[in-house]
Amino acid sequence: MVDHMQQERLPTNKPQKCTYAGLVSFLQGIVSRYEADRLVFVCIGTDRSTGDAIGPLVGTKLQELGYTQVIGTLADPCDASSLERYLASIDDEKIVVAIDACLGHPSSVGHFLVNNQSLQPAESVGTSLPAVGHYSIAAVVNQYGPKPYITLQTTSLFQVMRMVDQIVDAIAATVLTVTERS
């Protein structure tokens, strides 16, 4: 799913740290290249860990706004046990935007890492899962440390919800606006 789209990616493939404005710009770039109905948001994570709930919370809020091309919600999370099954179900013509939480440098907490390539879920906790997406948004919810599972479990819910709202608002301002005009 990922490899055959290499030629359609943007020139840079290095993650860019950004705030809400950069997130909007990143999504506008994607929407300018593809029809909104080709986009699928794969929202990775679990509701069993506060810091790792970004994906399912975003997916749930997108569905509540009426966007149907979403994988990963609170009711049906896209986590380590279901990721491969979900990826196999995505039509090859779709453009996948992966959304996940991550841990990072203290100066990056509260920012987003956007990238014109896939992300590697569970990398910060040392788990090997398949790469996801043609594009990716990683929310830096807390700083990386020696015990990443504990860090994710003790991450501030306020921080997580603030970042969820920013991601959903950015998608609503770009992708959903285009979808409504179609």
N, C-alpha and C. Protein backbone atom coordinates (compact mmCIF):
# COMPACT_ATOMS: atom_id res chain seq x y z
N MET A 1 0.82 -1.20 0.00
CA MET A 1 0.00 0.00 0.00
C MET A 1 0.86 1.25 0.00
N VAL A 2 1.95 1.28 0.72
CA VAL A 2 2.74 2.49 0.84
C VAL A 2 3.68 2.66 -0.35
N ASP A 3 4.37 1.62 -0.77
CA ASP A 3 5.43 1.75 -1.74
C ASP A 3 5.00 2.25 -3.11
N HIS A 4 3.84 1.86 -3.60
CA HIS A 4 3.45 2.25 -4.94
C HIS A 4 3.09 3.73 -5.04
N MET A 5 3.04 4.43 -3.93
CA MET A 5 2.70 5.85 -3.95
C MET A 5 3.93 6.73 -3.79
N GLN A 6 5.13 6.17 -3.79
CA GLN A 6 6.35 6.94 -3.58
C GLN A 6 6.42 8.16 -4.49
N GLN A 7 6.11 8.02 -5.75
CA GLN A 7 6.26 9.11 -6.70
C GLN A 7 5.28 10.25 -6.45
N GLU A 8 4.22 10.03 -5.68
CA GLU A 8 3.24 11.08 -5.43
C GLU A 8 3.54 11.89 -4.18
N ARG A 9 4.57 11.55 -3.46
CA ARG A 9 4.89 12.25 -2.22
C ARG A 9 5.51 13.60 -2.50
N LEU A 10 5.47 14.44 -1.50
CA LEU A 10 6.12 15.74 -1.59
C LEU A 10 7.63 15.54 -1.54
N PRO A 11 8.41 16.55 -1.94
CA PRO A 11 9.85 16.38 -2.06
C PRO A 11 10.58 16.01 -0.76
N THR A 12 10.18 16.55 0.35
CA THR A 12 10.90 16.28 1.60
C THR A 12 10.27 15.10 2.33
N ASN A 13 11.09 14.32 2.98
CA ASN A 13 10.55 13.21 3.76
C ASN A 13 11.07 13.23 5.19
N LYS A 14 11.44 14.40 5.65
CA LYS A 14 11.91 14.57 7.02
C LYS A 14 10.77 15.14 7.86
N PRO A 15 10.53 14.57 9.05
CA PRO A 15 9.46 15.11 9.89
C PRO A 15 9.70 16.59 10.21
N GLN A 16 8.63 17.36 10.16
CA GLN A 16 8.70 18.78 10.47
C GLN A 16 7.91 19.06 11.73
N LYS A 17 8.54 19.67 12.70
CA LYS A 17 7.85 20.06 13.94
C LYS A 17 7.02 21.29 13.65
N CYS A 18 5.76 21.27 14.09
CA CYS A 18 4.90 22.41 13.82
C CYS A 18 3.85 22.58 14.91
N THR A 19 3.18 23.72 14.85
CA THR A 19 2.05 24.01 15.71
C THR A 19 0.78 23.83 14.88
N TYR A 20 -0.34 24.30 15.39
CA TYR A 20 -1.62 24.18 14.69
C TYR A 20 -1.55 24.78 13.28
N ALA A 21 -0.96 25.96 13.14
CA ALA A 21 -0.89 26.61 11.82
C ALA A 21 -0.13 25.74 10.82
N GLY A 22 0.95 25.12 11.25
CA GLY A 22 1.70 24.23 10.37
C GLY A 22 0.92 22.99 10.01
N LEU A 23 0.12 22.52 10.95
CA LEU A 23 -0.74 21.36 10.70
C LEU A 23 -1.77 21.68 9.62
N VAL A 24 -2.37 22.86 9.71
CA VAL A 24 -3.34 23.29 8.69
C VAL A 24 -2.65 23.37 7.34
N SER A 25 -1.48 23.98 7.29
CA SER A 25 -0.73 24.11 6.04
C SER A 25 -0.38 22.74 5.46
N PHE A 26 0.05 21.82 6.30
CA PHE A 26 0.37 20.46 5.87
C PHE A 26 -0.84 19.79 5.23
N LEU A 27 -1.99 19.88 5.89
CA LEU A 27 -3.22 19.27 5.37
C LEU A 27 -3.69 19.96 4.10
N GLN A 28 -3.54 21.27 4.01
CA GLN A 28 -3.90 21.98 2.78
C GLN A 28 -3.07 21.48 1.60
N GLY A 29 -1.80 21.20 1.86
CA GLY A 29 -0.94 20.66 0.82
C GLY A 29 -1.42 19.32 0.31
N ILE A 30 -1.89 18.48 1.21
CA ILE A 30 -2.41 17.16 0.81
C ILE A 30 -3.70 17.33 0.02
N VAL A 31 -4.60 18.17 0.52
CA VAL A 31 -5.90 18.38 -0.14
C VAL A 31 -5.71 19.02 -1.52
N SER A 32 -4.65 19.80 -1.70
CA SER A 32 -4.41 20.41 -3.01
C SER A 32 -3.94 19.39 -4.04
N ARG A 33 -3.47 18.23 -3.58
CA ARG A 33 -2.96 17.20 -4.49
C ARG A 33 -3.95 16.07 -4.76
N TYR A 34 -4.87 15.86 -3.84
CA TYR A 34 -5.78 14.72 -3.95
C TYR A 34 -7.21 15.14 -3.67
N GLU A 35 -8.14 14.45 -4.29
CA GLU A 35 -9.55 14.67 -3.97
C GLU A 35 -9.78 14.21 -2.53
N ALA A 36 -10.56 14.98 -1.81
CA ALA A 36 -10.78 14.69 -0.38
C ALA A 36 -11.36 13.29 -0.16
N ASP A 37 -12.16 12.79 -1.11
CA ASP A 37 -12.76 11.46 -0.90
C ASP A 37 -11.75 10.32 -1.06
N ARG A 38 -10.53 10.64 -1.50
CA ARG A 38 -9.49 9.61 -1.56
C ARG A 38 -8.75 9.46 -0.23
N LEU A 39 -8.94 10.42 0.67
CA LEU A 39 -8.20 10.41 1.93
C LEU A 39 -8.85 9.51 2.98
N VAL A 40 -8.03 8.71 3.61
CA VAL A 40 -8.45 7.87 4.73
C VAL A 40 -7.55 8.23 5.91
N PHE A 41 -8.16 8.51 7.05
CA PHE A 41 -7.39 8.79 8.26
C PHE A 41 -7.32 7.52 9.09
N VAL A 42 -6.11 7.03 9.29
CA VAL A 42 -5.89 5.87 10.14
C VAL A 42 -5.40 6.41 11.48
N CYS A 43 -6.27 6.32 12.47
CA CYS A 43 -6.05 6.92 13.79
C CYS A 43 -5.62 5.83 14.76
N ILE A 44 -4.33 5.79 15.02
CA ILE A 44 -3.71 4.67 15.73
C ILE A 44 -3.64 4.95 17.24
N GLY A 45 -3.92 3.92 18.02
CA GLY A 45 -3.77 4.05 19.47
C GLY A 45 -4.81 3.25 20.22
N THR A 46 -4.85 3.50 21.52
CA THR A 46 -5.75 2.76 22.40
C THR A 46 -6.33 3.70 23.46
N ASP A 47 -7.51 3.36 23.94
CA ASP A 47 -8.10 4.16 25.02
C ASP A 47 -7.63 3.66 26.39
N ARG A 48 -6.74 2.70 26.41
CA ARG A 48 -6.26 2.13 27.67
C ARG A 48 -5.03 2.86 28.22
N SER A 49 -4.57 3.86 27.51
CA SER A 49 -3.41 4.65 27.93
C SER A 49 -3.67 6.09 27.53
N THR A 50 -3.70 6.99 28.49
CA THR A 50 -4.05 8.38 28.21
C THR A 50 -3.23 8.96 27.06
N GLY A 51 -1.92 8.81 27.12
CA GLY A 51 -1.05 9.39 26.10
C GLY A 51 -1.22 8.77 24.73
N ASP A 52 -1.66 7.53 24.68
CA ASP A 52 -1.80 6.83 23.40
C ASP A 52 -3.23 6.88 22.86
N ALA A 53 -4.07 7.70 23.47
CA ALA A 53 -5.47 7.78 23.05
C ALA A 53 -5.72 8.84 21.98
N ILE A 54 -4.69 9.54 21.55
CA ILE A 54 -4.85 10.59 20.52
C ILE A 54 -5.60 10.05 19.31
N GLY A 55 -5.11 8.95 18.74
CA GLY A 55 -5.71 8.41 17.53
C GLY A 55 -7.19 8.10 17.67
N PRO A 56 -7.57 7.25 18.62
CA PRO A 56 -8.99 6.92 18.76
C PRO A 56 -9.88 8.12 19.07
N LEU A 57 -9.35 9.08 19.82
CA LEU A 57 -10.14 10.28 20.12
C LEU A 57 -10.35 11.11 18.85
N VAL A 58 -9.30 11.27 18.05
CA VAL A 58 -9.43 12.00 16.78
C VAL A 58 -10.41 11.27 15.87
N GLY A 59 -10.26 9.96 15.73
CA GLY A 59 -11.16 9.18 14.88
C GLY A 59 -12.61 9.31 15.28
N THR A 60 -12.87 9.25 16.58
CA THR A 60 -14.24 9.38 17.08
C THR A 60 -14.81 10.76 16.76
N LYS A 61 -14.03 11.80 17.00
CA LYS A 61 -14.51 13.16 16.73
C LYS A 61 -14.73 13.40 15.23
N LEU A 62 -13.88 12.83 14.39
CA LEU A 62 -14.09 12.96 12.94
C LEU A 62 -15.38 12.28 12.52
N GLN A 63 -15.65 11.09 13.06
CA GLN A 63 -16.90 10.41 12.74
C GLN A 63 -18.10 11.22 13.23
N GLU A 64 -17.98 11.82 14.40
CA GLU A 64 -19.07 12.64 14.92
C GLU A 64 -19.34 13.85 14.02
N LEU A 65 -18.30 14.32 13.32
CA LEU A 65 -18.47 15.42 12.37
C LEU A 65 -19.00 14.95 11.01
N GLY A 66 -19.15 13.63 10.86
CA GLY A 66 -19.71 13.09 9.63
C GLY A 66 -18.69 12.57 8.63
N TYR A 67 -17.42 12.59 8.97
CA TYR A 67 -16.40 12.07 8.06
C TYR A 67 -16.37 10.55 8.21
N THR A 68 -16.56 9.84 7.12
CA THR A 68 -16.70 8.38 7.19
C THR A 68 -15.42 7.60 6.90
N GLN A 69 -14.44 8.23 6.29
CA GLN A 69 -13.22 7.51 5.91
C GLN A 69 -12.20 7.57 7.05
N VAL A 70 -12.58 6.93 8.14
CA VAL A 70 -11.78 6.93 9.36
C VAL A 70 -11.62 5.49 9.84
N ILE A 71 -10.42 5.14 10.19
CA ILE A 71 -10.14 3.85 10.83
C ILE A 71 -9.53 4.18 12.18
N GLY A 72 -10.11 3.62 13.24
CA GLY A 72 -9.60 3.83 14.59
C GLY A 72 -10.42 4.83 15.37
N THR A 73 -11.28 4.32 16.24
CA THR A 73 -12.12 5.16 17.10
C THR A 73 -12.08 4.58 18.52
N LEU A 74 -12.72 5.27 19.44
CA LEU A 74 -12.79 4.74 20.80
C LEU A 74 -13.54 3.41 20.82
N ALA A 75 -14.61 3.31 20.04
CA ALA A 75 -15.41 2.08 20.01
C ALA A 75 -14.71 0.95 19.28
N ASP A 76 -13.85 1.28 18.32
CA ASP A 76 -13.18 0.28 17.50
C ASP A 76 -11.76 0.75 17.20
N PRO A 77 -10.87 0.65 18.19
CA PRO A 77 -9.52 1.21 18.03
C PRO A 77 -8.65 0.45 17.02
N CYS A 78 -7.75 1.19 16.42
CA CYS A 78 -6.73 0.63 15.54
C CYS A 78 -5.45 0.57 16.38
N ASP A 79 -5.24 -0.58 17.00
CA ASP A 79 -4.11 -0.74 17.90
C ASP A 79 -3.21 -1.88 17.42
N ALA A 80 -2.26 -2.26 18.23
CA ALA A 80 -1.29 -3.28 17.82
C ALA A 80 -1.96 -4.58 17.39
N SER A 81 -3.07 -4.93 18.03
CA SER A 81 -3.72 -6.21 17.71
C SER A 81 -4.57 -6.16 16.44
N SER A 82 -4.95 -4.98 15.99
CA SER A 82 -5.83 -4.88 14.82
C SER A 82 -5.22 -4.13 13.64
N LEU A 83 -4.05 -3.56 13.82
CA LEU A 83 -3.45 -2.71 12.79
C LEU A 83 -3.31 -3.41 11.44
N GLU A 84 -2.72 -4.57 11.42
CA GLU A 84 -2.49 -5.26 10.14
C GLU A 84 -3.79 -5.59 9.43
N ARG A 85 -4.80 -5.98 10.17
CA ARG A 85 -6.11 -6.29 9.57
C ARG A 85 -6.70 -5.03 8.93
N TYR A 86 -6.63 -3.92 9.63
CA TYR A 86 -7.16 -2.67 9.07
C TYR A 86 -6.39 -2.23 7.83
N LEU A 87 -5.07 -2.33 7.89
CA LEU A 87 -4.27 -1.91 6.73
C LEU A 87 -4.61 -2.74 5.50
N ALA A 88 -4.84 -4.04 5.69
CA ALA A 88 -5.19 -4.92 4.57
C ALA A 88 -6.54 -4.56 3.96
N SER A 89 -7.39 -3.89 4.72
CA SER A 89 -8.74 -3.56 4.23
C SER A 89 -8.80 -2.26 3.43
N ILE A 90 -7.71 -1.51 3.37
CA ILE A 90 -7.72 -0.21 2.70
C ILE A 90 -7.49 -0.39 1.20
N ASP A 91 -8.37 0.19 0.41
CA ASP A 91 -8.26 0.17 -1.05
C ASP A 91 -6.95 0.84 -1.48
N ASP A 92 -6.27 0.24 -2.45
CA ASP A 92 -4.99 0.76 -2.93
C ASP A 92 -5.08 2.17 -3.51
N GLU A 93 -6.26 2.59 -3.92
CA GLU A 93 -6.43 3.93 -4.50
C GLU A 93 -6.51 5.03 -3.44
N LYS A 94 -6.63 4.64 -2.20
CA LYS A 94 -6.77 5.62 -1.12
C LYS A 94 -5.42 6.21 -0.72
N ILE A 95 -5.46 7.42 -0.25
CA ILE A 95 -4.29 8.09 0.30
C ILE A 95 -4.45 8.09 1.82
N VAL A 96 -3.52 7.46 2.50
CA VAL A 96 -3.63 7.26 3.94
C VAL A 96 -2.85 8.34 4.70
N VAL A 97 -3.56 8.98 5.62
CA VAL A 97 -2.93 9.90 6.56
C VAL A 97 -2.97 9.22 7.92
N ALA A 98 -1.80 8.85 8.42
CA ALA A 98 -1.71 8.18 9.72
C ALA A 98 -1.63 9.23 10.83
N ILE A 99 -2.35 8.98 11.90
CA ILE A 99 -2.35 9.87 13.07
C ILE A 99 -2.04 9.03 14.29
N ASP A 100 -1.05 9.46 15.06
CA ASP A 100 -0.65 8.71 16.25
C ASP A 100 -0.03 9.66 17.26
N ALA A 101 0.09 9.18 18.48
CA ALA A 101 0.81 9.91 19.52
C ALA A 101 2.27 9.48 19.50
N CYS A 102 3.13 10.33 20.03
CA CYS A 102 4.52 9.93 20.18
C CYS A 102 5.13 10.66 21.37
N LEU A 103 6.29 10.18 21.76
CA LEU A 103 7.08 10.83 22.80
C LEU A 103 8.25 11.50 22.11
N GLY A 104 8.74 12.59 22.67
CA GLY A 104 9.82 13.30 22.01
C GLY A 104 10.65 14.14 22.97
N HIS A 105 11.42 15.02 22.39
CA HIS A 105 12.27 15.94 23.14
C HIS A 105 11.39 16.89 23.95
N PRO A 106 11.82 17.28 25.14
CA PRO A 106 10.99 18.17 25.96
C PRO A 106 10.53 19.44 25.23
N SER A 107 11.36 19.98 24.35
CA SER A 107 10.97 21.20 23.62
C SER A 107 9.93 20.93 22.53
N SER A 108 9.69 19.67 22.22
CA SER A 108 8.70 19.32 21.19
C SER A 108 7.33 18.97 21.76
N VAL A 109 7.24 18.78 23.07
CA VAL A 109 5.97 18.40 23.68
C VAL A 109 4.92 19.47 23.39
N GLY A 110 3.75 19.02 22.92
CA GLY A 110 2.68 19.94 22.54
C GLY A 110 2.71 20.32 21.08
N HIS A 111 3.73 19.90 20.36
CA HIS A 111 3.85 20.15 18.93
C HIS A 111 3.47 18.90 18.14
N PHE A 112 3.41 19.07 16.84
CA PHE A 112 3.11 17.97 15.93
C PHE A 112 4.33 17.72 15.05
N LEU A 113 4.54 16.48 14.69
CA LEU A 113 5.56 16.11 13.71
C LEU A 113 4.81 15.63 12.48
N VAL A 114 4.86 16.42 11.42
CA VAL A 114 4.17 16.06 10.18
C VAL A 114 5.21 15.56 9.19
N ASN A 115 4.80 14.62 8.36
CA ASN A 115 5.75 14.03 7.44
C ASN A 115 5.06 13.58 6.17
N ASN A 116 5.79 13.67 5.08
CA ASN A 116 5.31 13.24 3.78
C ASN A 116 5.63 11.77 3.53
N GLN A 117 5.66 11.01 4.58
CA GLN A 117 5.87 9.57 4.48
C GLN A 117 5.21 8.90 5.68
N SER A 118 5.29 7.59 5.70
CA SER A 118 4.61 6.81 6.74
C SER A 118 5.24 7.04 8.11
N LEU A 119 4.49 6.61 9.12
CA LEU A 119 5.04 6.62 10.47
C LEU A 119 5.15 5.18 10.96
N GLN A 120 5.96 5.01 11.97
CA GLN A 120 6.20 3.69 12.55
C GLN A 120 5.51 3.64 13.91
N PRO A 121 4.31 3.05 13.98
CA PRO A 121 3.60 3.00 15.27
C PRO A 121 4.40 2.25 16.33
N ALA A 122 4.25 2.68 17.56
CA ALA A 122 4.83 2.03 18.74
C ALA A 122 6.35 2.05 18.77
N GLU A 123 6.96 2.87 17.94
CA GLU A 123 8.42 2.93 17.90
C GLU A 123 8.99 3.38 19.25
N SER A 124 8.34 4.34 19.90
CA SER A 124 8.89 4.87 21.16
C SER A 124 8.80 3.87 22.31
N VAL A 125 7.97 2.85 22.16
CA VAL A 125 7.89 1.82 23.21
C VAL A 125 8.61 0.53 22.80
N GLY A 126 9.32 0.58 21.67
CA GLY A 126 10.15 -0.54 21.26
C GLY A 126 9.42 -1.70 20.61
N THR A 127 8.21 -1.47 20.12
CA THR A 127 7.45 -2.52 19.46
C THR A 127 7.59 -2.37 17.95
N SER A 128 7.65 -3.48 17.24
CA SER A 128 7.78 -3.46 15.79
C SER A 128 6.42 -3.72 15.14
N LEU A 129 5.88 -2.70 14.51
CA LEU A 129 4.61 -2.80 13.78
C LEU A 129 4.83 -2.29 12.36
N PRO A 130 3.94 -2.62 11.43
CA PRO A 130 4.11 -2.14 10.05
C PRO A 130 4.01 -0.61 9.97
N ALA A 131 4.77 -0.04 9.05
CA ALA A 131 4.67 1.39 8.78
C ALA A 131 3.28 1.70 8.24
N VAL A 132 2.77 2.90 8.55
CA VAL A 132 1.41 3.26 8.16
C VAL A 132 1.41 4.63 7.49
N GLY A 133 0.74 4.69 6.34
CA GLY A 133 0.42 5.96 5.72
C GLY A 133 1.32 6.41 4.60
N HIS A 134 0.74 7.26 3.78
CA HIS A 134 1.48 8.00 2.77
C HIS A 134 1.97 9.30 3.38
N TYR A 135 1.21 9.79 4.34
CA TYR A 135 1.50 11.00 5.11
C TYR A 135 1.26 10.67 6.57
N SER A 136 1.87 11.47 7.47
CA SER A 136 1.66 11.18 8.88
C SER A 136 1.66 12.43 9.74
N ILE A 137 0.90 12.31 10.82
CA ILE A 137 0.83 13.34 11.86
C ILE A 137 1.08 12.63 13.18
N ALA A 138 2.15 13.02 13.85
CA ALA A 138 2.45 12.47 15.18
C ALA A 138 2.34 13.60 16.19
N ALA A 139 1.53 13.40 17.20
CA ALA A 139 1.36 14.38 18.26
C ALA A 139 2.33 14.06 19.40
N VAL A 140 3.23 14.98 19.69
CA VAL A 140 4.21 14.76 20.75
C VAL A 140 3.53 15.08 22.09
N VAL A 141 3.05 14.04 22.75
CA VAL A 141 2.23 14.22 23.95
C VAL A 141 3.04 14.31 25.24
N ASN A 142 4.28 13.84 25.21
CA ASN A 142 5.10 13.87 26.41
C ASN A 142 6.55 13.65 25.99
N GLN A 143 7.46 13.82 26.94
CA GLN A 143 8.87 13.63 26.61
C GLN A 143 9.26 12.17 26.71
N TYR A 144 10.21 11.80 25.85
CA TYR A 144 10.70 10.43 25.85
C TYR A 144 11.57 10.22 27.08
N GLY A 145 11.44 9.05 27.69
CA GLY A 145 12.24 8.74 28.87
C GLY A 145 12.50 7.26 28.96
N PRO A 146 13.08 6.82 30.06
CA PRO A 146 13.47 5.41 30.19
C PRO A 146 12.30 4.44 30.32
N LYS A 147 11.12 4.93 30.68
CA LYS A 147 9.95 4.05 30.84
C LYS A 147 8.79 4.58 30.00
N PRO A 148 8.84 4.37 28.68
CA PRO A 148 7.83 4.99 27.81
C PRO A 148 6.40 4.55 28.08
N TYR A 149 6.17 3.30 28.48
CA TYR A 149 4.80 2.86 28.78
C TYR A 149 4.22 3.66 29.94
N ILE A 150 5.01 3.84 30.98
CA ILE A 150 4.55 4.61 32.14
C ILE A 150 4.34 6.07 31.75
N THR A 151 5.25 6.60 30.95
CA THR A 151 5.11 7.98 30.50
C THR A 151 3.80 8.18 29.75
N LEU A 152 3.47 7.27 28.84
CA LEU A 152 2.21 7.38 28.10
C LEU A 152 1.01 7.24 29.02
N GLN A 153 1.08 6.35 29.98
CA GLN A 153 -0.05 6.13 30.89
C GLN A 153 -0.27 7.30 31.85
N THR A 154 0.77 8.08 32.10
CA THR A 154 0.65 9.20 33.04
C THR A 154 0.66 10.55 32.34
N THR A 155 0.47 10.55 31.05
CA THR A 155 0.41 11.80 30.28
C THR A 155 -0.87 12.55 30.62
N SER A 156 -0.76 13.85 30.67
CA SER A 156 -1.89 14.72 31.00
C SER A 156 -3.04 14.57 30.01
N LEU A 157 -4.23 14.28 30.52
CA LEU A 157 -5.41 14.21 29.66
C LEU A 157 -5.70 15.57 29.04
N PHE A 158 -5.46 16.64 29.77
CA PHE A 158 -5.66 17.99 29.23
C PHE A 158 -4.79 18.19 27.99
N GLN A 159 -3.52 17.81 28.08
CA GLN A 159 -2.59 17.94 26.94
C GLN A 159 -3.10 17.12 25.75
N VAL A 160 -3.52 15.90 26.01
CA VAL A 160 -4.02 15.02 24.95
C VAL A 160 -5.25 15.64 24.29
N MET A 161 -6.22 16.08 25.07
CA MET A 161 -7.45 16.64 24.52
C MET A 161 -7.20 17.92 23.74
N ARG A 162 -6.27 18.74 24.21
CA ARG A 162 -5.92 19.97 23.49
C ARG A 162 -5.37 19.62 22.11
N MET A 163 -4.51 18.63 22.05
CA MET A 163 -3.93 18.23 20.76
C MET A 163 -4.96 17.54 19.87
N VAL A 164 -5.83 16.74 20.45
CA VAL A 164 -6.92 16.11 19.68
C VAL A 164 -7.77 17.20 19.03
N ASP A 165 -8.16 18.20 19.81
CA ASP A 165 -8.99 19.28 19.27
C ASP A 165 -8.28 20.02 18.14
N GLN A 166 -6.98 20.23 18.28
CA GLN A 166 -6.24 20.92 17.22
C GLN A 166 -6.20 20.09 15.94
N ILE A 167 -5.97 18.79 16.06
CA ILE A 167 -5.95 17.93 14.87
C ILE A 167 -7.32 17.92 14.19
N VAL A 168 -8.36 17.72 14.97
CA VAL A 168 -9.72 17.67 14.42
C VAL A 168 -10.09 19.02 13.79
N ASP A 169 -9.76 20.12 14.47
CA ASP A 169 -10.06 21.44 13.91
C ASP A 169 -9.31 21.67 12.60
N ALA A 170 -8.05 21.23 12.52
CA ALA A 170 -7.27 21.39 11.29
C ALA A 170 -7.87 20.57 10.15
N ILE A 171 -8.29 19.35 10.44
CA ILE A 171 -8.92 18.51 9.41
C ILE A 171 -10.26 19.12 9.00
N ALA A 172 -11.02 19.61 9.96
CA ALA A 172 -12.32 20.23 9.64
C ALA A 172 -12.13 21.47 8.78
N ALA A 173 -11.07 22.22 9.02
CA ALA A 173 -10.83 23.46 8.28
C ALA A 173 -10.28 23.21 6.87
N THR A 174 -9.77 22.02 6.63
CA THR A 174 -9.16 21.74 5.32
C THR A 174 -9.92 20.64 4.59
N VAL A 175 -9.81 19.43 5.06
CA VAL A 175 -10.40 18.28 4.38
C VAL A 175 -11.92 18.30 4.40
N LEU A 176 -12.51 18.51 5.57
CA LEU A 176 -13.97 18.47 5.66
C LEU A 176 -14.61 19.62 4.91
N THR A 177 -13.96 20.77 4.89
CA THR A 177 -14.47 21.91 4.13
C THR A 177 -14.52 21.58 2.64
N VAL A 178 -13.48 20.92 2.14
CA VAL A 178 -13.44 20.52 0.73
C VAL A 178 -14.51 19.47 0.46
N THR A 179 -14.68 18.51 1.37
CA THR A 179 -15.67 17.45 1.21
C THR A 179 -17.08 18.03 1.14
N GLU A 180 -17.36 19.03 1.96
CA GLU A 180 -18.69 19.65 1.96
C GLU A 180 -18.98 20.36 0.65
N ARG A 181 -17.93 20.89 -0.01
CA ARG A 181 -18.12 21.59 -1.28
C ARG A 181 -18.32 20.63 -2.44
N SER A 182 -17.90 19.38 -2.27
CA SER A 182 -17.99 18.40 -3.37
C SER A 182 -19.41 17.97 -3.62
